[in-house]
Amino acid sequence: DMKWGTAQPMTYRDQELGMIRLRAFGTYSMRVGDPQLFVNQVVGSRGAFTTGAIEEFLRSIVLTEFNDLLGSLQTSILDIQGMSGEIATATRNALTDDFQRLGLQLTSFQISAITPPEEVQERIDERSGMAALGDMRTYMQYKTAQAIGDAANNPGGGGDAAATGVGLGAGLGMGQAMAQSMRDALATPAQPATAPTVTCPKCQATVAAGARFCTNCGTQLQAPGGIVCPKCDTENAAGAKFCTNCGTNLSGEE
């Protein structure tokens, strides 16, 4: 088997992450099908006399076809990593004609891995974590637990991690308290102001202050200038507690 791979990460337009860089490597097998054609095309015209020079020349052909195919997929790296078999088959089909023109027969082609650099992998992990966790509240809980776990696994440097976890937990608690306060404020209707009332001196019913007659028994409660006694119909001054004529209690108090 002969090895192929990207010497430098290649640029790929990811549908979700934008422009990212990928590495890929694998193996392939071939044999000389037409020795004369091979000598003419590879050795004679290109001067590739050593095995290393021939391998480098073939590797460049493999990478060209692989890059063209990968660029036409227009999908996400999350999907590409599960499509290695399909991509390998398509690349082999594309390479078959290229190798035949050189007098070679491609017998196998495999992709061992398609991987992003470490910084891109971190972005993928972060994005996947957000999508799986669903909302910021759960995400903050996850980050808090992660920081506390890091502190437990690293006793010597756990202070900073623990402090980070506490800080995240405090921020989460404050956010929850504020959200709860807003929900309570919206859920609790404003209580109307209690209107002042008076008691009817005859039937003891509660009547709105300023009413001229009792809404329960019809007794006249207040004359234009004061209070009418329900027993003798004498008009008394406003605020009088007893009738000036017969002494009847006008306030409704015992």
C-alpha atoms as a PDB file:
ATOM      1  CA  ASP A   1       0.000   0.000   0.000  1.00  0.00           C
ATOM      2  CA  MET A   2       1.072   3.567  -0.724  1.00  0.00           C
ATOM      3  CA  LYS A   3       0.209   6.428   1.575  1.00  0.00           C
ATOM      4  CA  TRP A   4      -1.385   9.735   0.664  1.00  0.00           C
ATOM      5  CA  GLY A   5      -2.259  12.739   2.797  1.00  0.00           C
ATOM      6  CA  THR A   6      -2.437  16.524   3.032  1.00  0.00           C
ATOM      7  CA  ALA A   7       0.914  18.078   3.857  1.00  0.00           C
ATOM      8  CA  GLN A   8      -0.935  21.228   4.969  1.00  0.00           C
ATOM      9  CA  PRO A   9      -4.580  21.633   6.030  1.00  0.00           C
ATOM     10  CA  MET A  10      -6.816  22.373   3.052  1.00  0.00           C
ATOM     11  CA  THR A  11      -9.549  25.011   3.061  1.00  0.00           C
ATOM     12  CA  TYR A  12     -13.148  23.823   3.119  1.00  0.00           C
ATOM     13  CA  ARG A  13     -16.383  25.865   3.151  1.00  0.00           C
ATOM     14  CA  ASP A  14     -18.509  24.332   5.901  1.00  0.00           C
ATOM     15  CA  GLN A  15     -22.252  25.048   5.721  1.00  0.00           C
ATOM     16  CA  GLU A  16     -22.474  25.647   9.475  1.00  0.00           C
ATOM     17  CA  LEU A  17     -19.018  26.827  10.562  1.00  0.00           C
ATOM     18  CA  GLY A  18     -17.964  28.799   7.491  1.00  0.00           C
ATOM     19  CA  MET A  19     -14.410  28.534   6.149  1.00  0.00           C
ATOM     20  CA  ILE A  20     -12.435  25.892   8.031  1.00  0.00           C
ATOM     21  CA  ARG A  21      -9.283  23.841   7.409  1.00  0.00           C
ATOM     22  CA  LEU A  22      -9.175  20.056   7.168  1.00  0.00           C
ATOM     23  CA  ARG A  23      -6.558  17.340   7.094  1.00  0.00           C
ATOM     24  CA  ALA A  24      -7.017  13.972   5.395  1.00  0.00           C
ATOM     25  CA  PHE A  25      -4.897  10.891   4.872  1.00  0.00           C
ATOM     26  CA  GLY A  26      -5.203   7.279   3.790  1.00  0.00           C
ATOM     27  CA  THR A  27      -3.739   4.580   1.564  1.00  0.00           C
ATOM     28  CA  TYR A  28      -4.102   3.283  -1.984  1.00  0.00           C
ATOM     29  CA  SER A  29      -2.827   0.367  -4.041  1.00  0.00           C
ATOM     30  CA  MET A  30      -1.955   0.208  -7.730  1.00  0.00           C
ATOM     31  CA  ARG A  31      -0.021  -1.835 -10.240  1.00  0.00           C
ATOM     32  CA  VAL A  32       1.550  -1.177 -13.614  1.00  0.00           C
ATOM     33  CA  GLY A  33      -0.893  -2.247 -16.312  1.00  0.00           C
ATOM     34  CA  ASP A  34       0.957  -0.906 -19.351  1.00  0.00           C
ATOM     35  CA  PRO A  35       4.713  -0.720 -18.673  1.00  0.00           C
ATOM     36  CA  GLN A  36       5.534   1.076 -21.930  1.00  0.00           C
ATOM     37  CA  LEU A  37       2.886   3.742 -21.362  1.00  0.00           C
ATOM     38  CA  PHE A  38       4.029   4.131 -17.772  1.00  0.00           C
ATOM     39  CA  VAL A  39       7.649   4.656 -18.804  1.00  0.00           C
ATOM     40  CA  ASN A  40       6.673   7.142 -21.482  1.00  0.00           C
ATOM     41  CA  GLN A  41       4.264   9.169 -19.315  1.00  0.00           C
ATOM     42  CA  VAL A  42       5.966   9.095 -15.951  1.00  0.00           C
ATOM     43  CA  VAL A  43       9.628   8.247 -16.351  1.00  0.00           C
ATOM     44  CA  GLY A  44      10.345   9.602 -19.799  1.00  0.00           C
ATOM     45  CA  SER A  45       8.359  12.845 -19.927  1.00  0.00           C
ATOM     46  CA  ARG A  46       8.667  13.784 -16.249  1.00  0.00           C
ATOM     47  CA  GLY A  47      12.070  12.405 -15.409  1.00  0.00           C
ATOM     48  CA  ALA A  48      10.753  10.547 -12.338  1.00  0.00           C
ATOM     49  CA  PHE A  49      13.380   7.857 -11.939  1.00  0.00           C
ATOM     50  CA  THR A  50      13.168   7.163  -8.186  1.00  0.00           C
ATOM     51  CA  THR A  51      10.380   5.529  -6.206  1.00  0.00           C
ATOM     52  CA  GLY A  52      10.064   8.613  -4.001  1.00  0.00           C
ATOM     53  CA  ALA A  53       9.652  10.900  -7.006  1.00  0.00           C
ATOM     54  CA  ILE A  54       6.984   8.644  -8.525  1.00  0.00           C
ATOM     55  CA  GLU A  55       5.078   8.441  -5.219  1.00  0.00           C
ATOM     56  CA  GLU A  56       5.141  12.229  -4.848  1.00  0.00           C
ATOM     57  CA  PHE A  57       3.835  12.648  -8.399  1.00  0.00           C
ATOM     58  CA  LEU A  58       0.983  10.173  -7.815  1.00  0.00           C
ATOM     59  CA  ARG A  59       0.205  11.723  -4.424  1.00  0.00           C
ATOM     60  CA  SER A  60      -0.352  15.088  -6.089  1.00  0.00           C
ATOM     61  CA  ILE A  61      -2.855  13.509  -8.490  1.00  0.00           C
ATOM     62  CA  VAL A  62      -4.703  11.847  -5.598  1.00  0.00           C
ATOM     63  CA  LEU A  63      -4.944  15.089  -3.603  1.00  0.00           C
ATOM     64  CA  THR A  64      -6.178  17.070  -6.610  1.00  0.00           C
ATOM     65  CA  GLU A  65      -9.071  14.682  -7.202  1.00  0.00           C
ATOM     66  CA  PHE A  66      -9.818  14.390  -3.486  1.00  0.00           C
ATOM     67  CA  ASN A  67      -9.904  18.169  -2.963  1.00  0.00           C
ATOM     68  CA  ASP A  68     -12.170  18.686  -5.987  1.00  0.00           C
ATOM     69  CA  LEU A  69     -14.577  16.037  -4.765  1.00  0.00           C
ATOM     70  CA  LEU A  70     -14.630  17.324  -1.195  1.00  0.00           C
ATOM     71  CA  GLY A  71     -15.274  20.870  -2.371  1.00  0.00           C
ATOM     72  CA  SER A  72     -18.330  19.744  -4.342  1.00  0.00           C
ATOM     73  CA  LEU A  73     -20.059  18.164  -1.331  1.00  0.00           C
ATOM     74  CA  GLN A  74     -21.326  21.434   0.207  1.00  0.00           C
ATOM     75  CA  THR A  75     -22.108  19.940   3.582  1.00  0.00           C
ATOM     76  CA  SER A  76     -20.801  20.094   7.154  1.00  0.00           C
ATOM     77  CA  ILE A  77     -17.695  18.485   8.608  1.00  0.00           C
ATOM     78  CA  LEU A  78     -20.065  16.785  11.058  1.00  0.00           C
ATOM     79  CA  ASP A  79     -21.566  14.895   8.103  1.00  0.00           C
ATOM     80  CA  ILE A  80     -18.309  14.398   6.190  1.00  0.00           C
ATOM     81  CA  GLN A  81     -16.764  12.386   9.008  1.00  0.00           C
ATOM     82  CA  GLY A  82     -19.509   9.816   8.540  1.00  0.00           C
ATOM     83  CA  MET A  83     -19.198   9.707   4.758  1.00  0.00           C
ATOM     84  CA  SER A  84     -15.613   8.422   4.439  1.00  0.00           C
ATOM     85  CA  GLY A  85     -16.668   5.271   2.596  1.00  0.00           C
ATOM     86  CA  GLU A  86     -18.751   7.139   0.019  1.00  0.00           C
ATOM     87  CA  ILE A  87     -16.041   9.760  -0.521  1.00  0.00           C
ATOM     88  CA  ALA A  88     -13.397   7.057  -0.942  1.00  0.00           C
ATOM     89  CA  THR A  89     -15.470   5.281  -3.610  1.00  0.00           C
ATOM     90  CA  ALA A  90     -16.115   8.500  -5.524  1.00  0.00           C
ATOM     91  CA  THR A  91     -12.422   9.478  -5.358  1.00  0.00           C
ATOM     92  CA  ARG A  92     -11.340   6.055  -6.595  1.00  0.00           C
ATOM     93  CA  ASN A  93     -13.713   6.304  -9.564  1.00  0.00           C
ATOM     94  CA  ALA A  94     -12.285   9.705 -10.454  1.00  0.00           C
ATOM     95  CA  LEU A  95      -8.696   8.485 -10.127  1.00  0.00           C
ATOM     96  CA  THR A  96      -9.191   5.368 -12.266  1.00  0.00           C
ATOM     97  CA  ASP A  97      -9.031   7.293 -15.550  1.00  0.00           C
ATOM     98  CA  ASP A  98      -6.109   9.429 -14.330  1.00  0.00           C
ATOM     99  CA  PHE A  99      -4.058   6.337 -13.493  1.00  0.00           C
ATOM    100  CA  GLN A 100      -4.994   4.531 -16.718  1.00  0.00           C
ATOM    101  CA  ARG A 101      -3.580   7.423 -18.747  1.00  0.00           C
ATOM    102  CA  LEU A 102      -0.287   6.759 -16.974  1.00  0.00           C
ATOM    103  CA  GLY A 103      -0.318   3.016 -17.652  1.00  0.00           C
ATOM    104  CA  LEU A 104      -1.390   2.211 -14.070  1.00  0.00           C
ATOM    105  CA  GLN A 105      -4.333   0.321 -12.566  1.00  0.00           C
ATOM    106  CA  LEU A 106      -5.734   1.576  -9.262  1.00  0.00           C
ATOM    107  CA  THR A 107      -6.771  -1.474  -7.246  1.00  0.00           C
ATOM    108  CA  SER A 108      -7.855   0.117  -3.944  1.00  0.00           C
ATOM    109  CA  PHE A 109      -8.303   3.492  -2.286  1.00  0.00           C
ATOM    110  CA  GLN A 110      -9.054   4.113   1.383  1.00  0.00           C
ATOM    111  CA  ILE A 111      -9.554   7.176   3.571  1.00  0.00           C
ATOM    112  CA  SER A 112      -8.218   6.678   7.083  1.00  0.00           C
ATOM    113  CA  ALA A 113      -9.444   9.983   8.511  1.00  0.00           C
ATOM    114  CA  ILE A 114     -10.739  13.450   7.663  1.00  0.00           C
ATOM    115  CA  THR A 115     -10.058  15.677  10.646  1.00  0.00           C
ATOM    116  CA  PRO A 116     -10.057  19.410  11.406  1.00  0.00           C
ATOM    117  CA  PRO A 117      -7.216  21.111  13.303  1.00  0.00           C
ATOM    118  CA  GLU A 118      -7.554  21.351  17.076  1.00  0.00           C
ATOM    119  CA  GLU A 119      -8.936  24.909  17.104  1.00  0.00           C
ATOM    120  CA  VAL A 120     -11.672  23.954  14.623  1.00  0.00           C
ATOM    121  CA  GLN A 121     -12.507  20.851  16.666  1.00  0.00           C
ATOM    122  CA  GLU A 122     -13.021  23.079  19.713  1.00  0.00           C
ATOM    123  CA  ARG A 123     -15.519  25.195  17.751  1.00  0.00           C
ATOM    124  CA  ILE A 124     -17.342  22.043  16.668  1.00  0.00           C
ATOM    125  CA  ASP A 125     -17.485  20.736  20.242  1.00  0.00           C
ATOM    126  CA  GLU A 126     -18.787  24.080  21.517  1.00  0.00           C
ATOM    127  CA  ARG A 127     -21.449  24.309  18.815  1.00  0.00           C
ATOM    128  CA  SER A 128     -22.519  20.710  19.352  1.00  0.00           C
ATOM    129  CA  GLY A 129     -22.722  21.295  23.076  1.00  0.00           C
ATOM    130  CA  MET A 130     -24.971  24.341  22.647  1.00  0.00           C
ATOM    131  CA  ALA A 131     -27.259  22.469  20.281  1.00  0.00           C
ATOM    132  CA  ALA A 132     -27.506  19.473  22.605  1.00  0.00           C
ATOM    133  CA  LEU A 133     -28.083  21.515  25.752  1.00  0.00           C
ATOM    134  CA  GLY A 134     -30.802  23.607  24.161  1.00  0.00           C
ATOM    135  CA  ASP A 135     -30.779  26.778  26.262  1.00  0.00           C
ATOM    136  CA  MET A 136     -28.408  29.038  28.138  1.00  0.00           C
ATOM    137  CA  ARG A 137     -29.642  28.000  31.583  1.00  0.00           C
ATOM    138  CA  THR A 138     -28.736  24.350  31.029  1.00  0.00           C
ATOM    139  CA  TYR A 139     -25.510  25.375  29.301  1.00  0.00           C
ATOM    140  CA  MET A 140     -24.455  27.441  32.323  1.00  0.00           C
ATOM    141  CA  GLN A 141     -25.212  24.530  34.627  1.00  0.00           C
ATOM    142  CA  TYR A 142     -23.083  22.297  32.414  1.00  0.00           C
ATOM    143  CA  LYS A 143     -20.160  24.767  32.458  1.00  0.00           C
ATOM    144  CA  THR A 144     -20.415  25.134  36.255  1.00  0.00           C
ATOM    145  CA  ALA A 145     -20.312  21.384  36.776  1.00  0.00           C
ATOM    146  CA  GLN A 146     -17.433  21.113  34.319  1.00  0.00           C
ATOM    147  CA  ALA A 147     -15.399  23.754  36.186  1.00  0.00           C
ATOM    148  CA  ILE A 148     -16.018  22.058  39.546  1.00  0.00           C
ATOM    149  CA  GLY A 149     -15.040  18.703  38.048  1.00  0.00           C
ATOM    150  CA  ASP A 150     -11.828  20.197  36.700  1.00  0.00           C
ATOM    151  CA  ALA A 151     -11.040  21.531  40.173  1.00  0.00           C
ATOM    152  CA  ALA A 152     -11.596  18.097  41.710  1.00  0.00           C
ATOM    153  CA  ASN A 153      -9.312  16.453  39.150  1.00  0.00           C
ATOM    154  CA  ASN A 154      -6.597  19.085  39.586  1.00  0.00           C
ATOM    155  CA  PRO A 155      -6.155  19.757  43.334  1.00  0.00           C
ATOM    156  CA  GLY A 156      -3.036  21.876  42.839  1.00  0.00           C
ATOM    157  CA  GLY A 157      -4.684  24.366  40.519  1.00  0.00           C
ATOM    158  CA  GLY A 158      -8.300  23.884  41.517  1.00  0.00           C
ATOM    159  CA  GLY A 159      -8.725  27.268  43.134  1.00  0.00           C
ATOM    160  CA  ASP A 160      -9.213  29.157  39.924  1.00  0.00           C
ATOM    161  CA  ALA A 161     -11.445  26.489  38.441  1.00  0.00           C
ATOM    162  CA  ALA A 162     -13.555  26.331  41.598  1.00  0.00           C
ATOM    163  CA  ALA A 163     -13.841  30.091  41.668  1.00  0.00           C
ATOM    164  CA  THR A 164     -14.951  30.017  38.068  1.00  0.00           C
ATOM    165  CA  GLY A 165     -17.583  27.418  38.918  1.00  0.00           C
ATOM    166  CA  VAL A 166     -18.846  29.483  41.860  1.00  0.00           C
ATOM    167  CA  GLY A 167     -18.952  32.584  39.693  1.00  0.00           C
ATOM    168  CA  LEU A 168     -20.921  30.808  37.009  1.00  0.00           C
ATOM    169  CA  GLY A 169     -23.279  29.399  39.627  1.00  0.00           C
ATOM    170  CA  ALA A 170     -23.800  32.834  41.181  1.00  0.00           C
ATOM    171  CA  GLY A 171     -24.494  34.341  37.784  1.00  0.00           C
ATOM    172  CA  LEU A 172     -26.956  31.588  37.015  1.00  0.00           C
ATOM    173  CA  GLY A 173     -28.703  32.043  40.378  1.00  0.00           C
ATOM    174  CA  MET A 174     -28.972  35.808  39.883  1.00  0.00           C
ATOM    175  CA  GLY A 175     -30.386  35.338  36.409  1.00  0.00           C
ATOM    176  CA  GLN A 176     -32.962  32.864  37.702  1.00  0.00           C
ATOM    177  CA  ALA A 177     -33.970  35.201  40.537  1.00  0.00           C
ATOM    178  CA  MET A 178     -34.430  38.118  38.147  1.00  0.00           C
ATOM    179  CA  ALA A 179     -36.451  35.982  35.764  1.00  0.00           C
ATOM    180  CA  GLN A 180     -38.656  34.741  38.628  1.00  0.00           C
ATOM    181  CA  SER A 181     -39.249  38.293  39.844  1.00  0.00           C
ATOM    182  CA  MET A 182     -40.336  39.356  36.378  1.00  0.00           C
ATOM    183  CA  ARG A 183     -42.676  36.356  36.096  1.00  0.00           C
ATOM    184  CA  ASP A 184     -44.203  37.131  39.515  1.00  0.00           C
ATOM    185  CA  ALA A 185     -44.702  40.771  38.584  1.00  0.00           C
ATOM    186  CA  LEU A 186     -46.478  39.820  35.376  1.00  0.00           C
ATOM    187  CA  ALA A 187     -48.542  37.067  36.971  1.00  0.00           C
ATOM    188  CA  THR A 188     -49.807  39.080  39.979  1.00  0.00           C
ATOM    189  CA  PRO A 189     -52.487  41.617  38.959  1.00  0.00           C
ATOM    190  CA  ALA A 190     -52.483  45.013  40.607  1.00  0.00           C
ATOM    191  CA  GLN A 191     -54.944  45.156  43.526  1.00  0.00           C
ATOM    192  CA  PRO A 192     -57.517  47.938  43.181  1.00  0.00           C
ATOM    193  CA  ALA A 193     -57.578  50.574  45.919  1.00  0.00           C
ATOM    194  CA  THR A 194     -60.197  49.907  48.616  1.00  0.00           C
ATOM    195  CA  ALA A 195     -63.014  52.473  48.437  1.00  0.00           C
ATOM    196  CA  PRO A 196     -64.091  54.049  51.772  1.00  0.00           C
ATOM    197  CA  THR A 197     -67.397  52.774  53.222  1.00  0.00           C
ATOM    198  CA  VAL A 198     -69.934  53.636  55.919  1.00  0.00           C
ATOM    199  CA  THR A 199     -72.364  51.446  57.909  1.00  0.00           C
ATOM    200  CA  CYS A 200     -76.107  51.927  57.638  1.00  0.00           C
ATOM    201  CA  PRO A 201     -77.343  52.825  61.182  1.00  0.00           C
ATOM    202  CA  LYS A 202     -80.601  50.910  60.617  1.00  0.00           C
ATOM    203  CA  CYS A 203     -79.619  47.567  59.018  1.00  0.00           C
ATOM    204  CA  GLN A 204     -75.855  47.667  59.586  1.00  0.00           C
ATOM    205  CA  ALA A 205     -75.178  47.074  55.839  1.00  0.00           C
ATOM    206  CA  THR A 206     -71.875  48.374  54.432  1.00  0.00           C
ATOM    207  CA  VAL A 207     -72.466  51.186  51.959  1.00  0.00           C
ATOM    208  CA  ALA A 208     -70.055  53.305  49.909  1.00  0.00           C
ATOM    209  CA  ALA A 209     -69.123  56.548  51.626  1.00  0.00           C
ATOM    210  CA  GLY A 210     -71.111  59.492  50.286  1.00  0.00           C
ATOM    211  CA  ALA A 211     -74.208  57.418  49.408  1.00  0.00           C
ATOM    212  CA  ARG A 212     -77.487  59.237  50.139  1.00  0.00           C
ATOM    213  CA  PHE A 213     -79.496  56.032  50.721  1.00  0.00           C
ATOM    214  CA  CYS A 214     -78.698  52.538  51.976  1.00  0.00           C
ATOM    215  CA  THR A 215     -78.538  50.039  49.128  1.00  0.00           C
ATOM    216  CA  ASN A 216     -79.906  47.298  51.405  1.00  0.00           C
ATOM    217  CA  CYS A 217     -82.904  48.906  53.204  1.00  0.00           C
ATOM    218  CA  GLY A 218     -83.314  52.258  51.450  1.00  0.00           C
ATOM    219  CA  THR A 219     -82.799  54.322  54.589  1.00  0.00           C
ATOM    220  CA  GLN A 220     -81.686  57.885  53.853  1.00  0.00           C
ATOM    221  CA  LEU A 221     -78.133  58.082  55.085  1.00  0.00           C
ATOM    222  CA  GLN A 222     -77.076  61.636  54.463  1.00  0.00           C
ATOM    223  CA  ALA A 223     -78.926  64.845  53.884  1.00  0.00           C
ATOM    224  CA  PRO A 224     -77.287  67.580  51.838  1.00  0.00           C
ATOM    225  CA  GLY A 225     -75.945  69.115  55.002  1.00  0.00           C
ATOM    226  CA  GLY A 226     -75.535  66.184  57.320  1.00  0.00           C
ATOM    227  CA  ILE A 227     -76.950  62.832  58.501  1.00  0.00           C
ATOM    228  CA  VAL A 228     -80.668  61.961  58.771  1.00  0.00           C
ATOM    229  CA  CYS A 229     -81.684  59.992  61.867  1.00  0.00           C
ATOM    230  CA  PRO A 230     -83.318  56.716  60.725  1.00  0.00           C
ATOM    231  CA  LYS A 231     -85.636  56.755  63.763  1.00  0.00           C
ATOM    232  CA  CYS A 232     -87.020  60.292  63.945  1.00  0.00           C
ATOM    233  CA  ASP A 233     -85.907  61.682  60.536  1.00  0.00           C
ATOM    234  CA  THR A 234     -84.084  64.543  62.219  1.00  0.00           C
ATOM    235  CA  GLU A 235     -81.220  66.032  60.161  1.00  0.00           C
ATOM    236  CA  ASN A 236     -77.984  66.011  62.114  1.00  0.00           C
ATOM    237  CA  ALA A 237     -74.625  67.617  61.345  1.00  0.00           C
ATOM    238  CA  ALA A 238     -72.191  65.720  59.197  1.00  0.00           C
ATOM    239  CA  GLY A 239     -70.041  63.444  61.353  1.00  0.00           C
ATOM    240  CA  ALA A 240     -72.540  63.309  64.272  1.00  0.00           C
ATOM    241  CA  LYS A 241     -72.465  59.974  66.083  1.00  0.00           C
ATOM    242  CA  PHE A 242     -75.842  60.340  67.869  1.00  0.00           C
ATOM    243  CA  CYS A 243     -79.115  62.005  66.890  1.00  0.00           C
ATOM    244  CA  THR A 244     -79.575  65.339  68.627  1.00  0.00           C
ATOM    245  CA  ASN A 245     -83.349  64.709  68.884  1.00  0.00           C
ATOM    246  CA  CYS A 246     -83.724  61.147  70.089  1.00  0.00           C
ATOM    247  CA  GLY A 247     -80.166  60.002  70.823  1.00  0.00           C
ATOM    248  CA  THR A 248     -80.123  57.228  68.228  1.00  0.00           C
ATOM    249  CA  ASN A 249     -76.622  55.960  67.359  1.00  0.00           C
ATOM    250  CA  LEU A 250     -75.831  57.301  63.898  1.00  0.00           C
ATOM    251  CA  SER A 251     -72.312  55.867  63.480  1.00  0.00           C
ATOM    252  CA  GLY A 252     -73.332  52.212  63.356  1.00  0.00           C
ATOM    253  CA  GLU A 253     -70.857  51.423  66.136  1.00  0.00           C
ATOM    254  CA  GLU A 254     -71.971  49.495  69.231  1.00  0.00           C
END
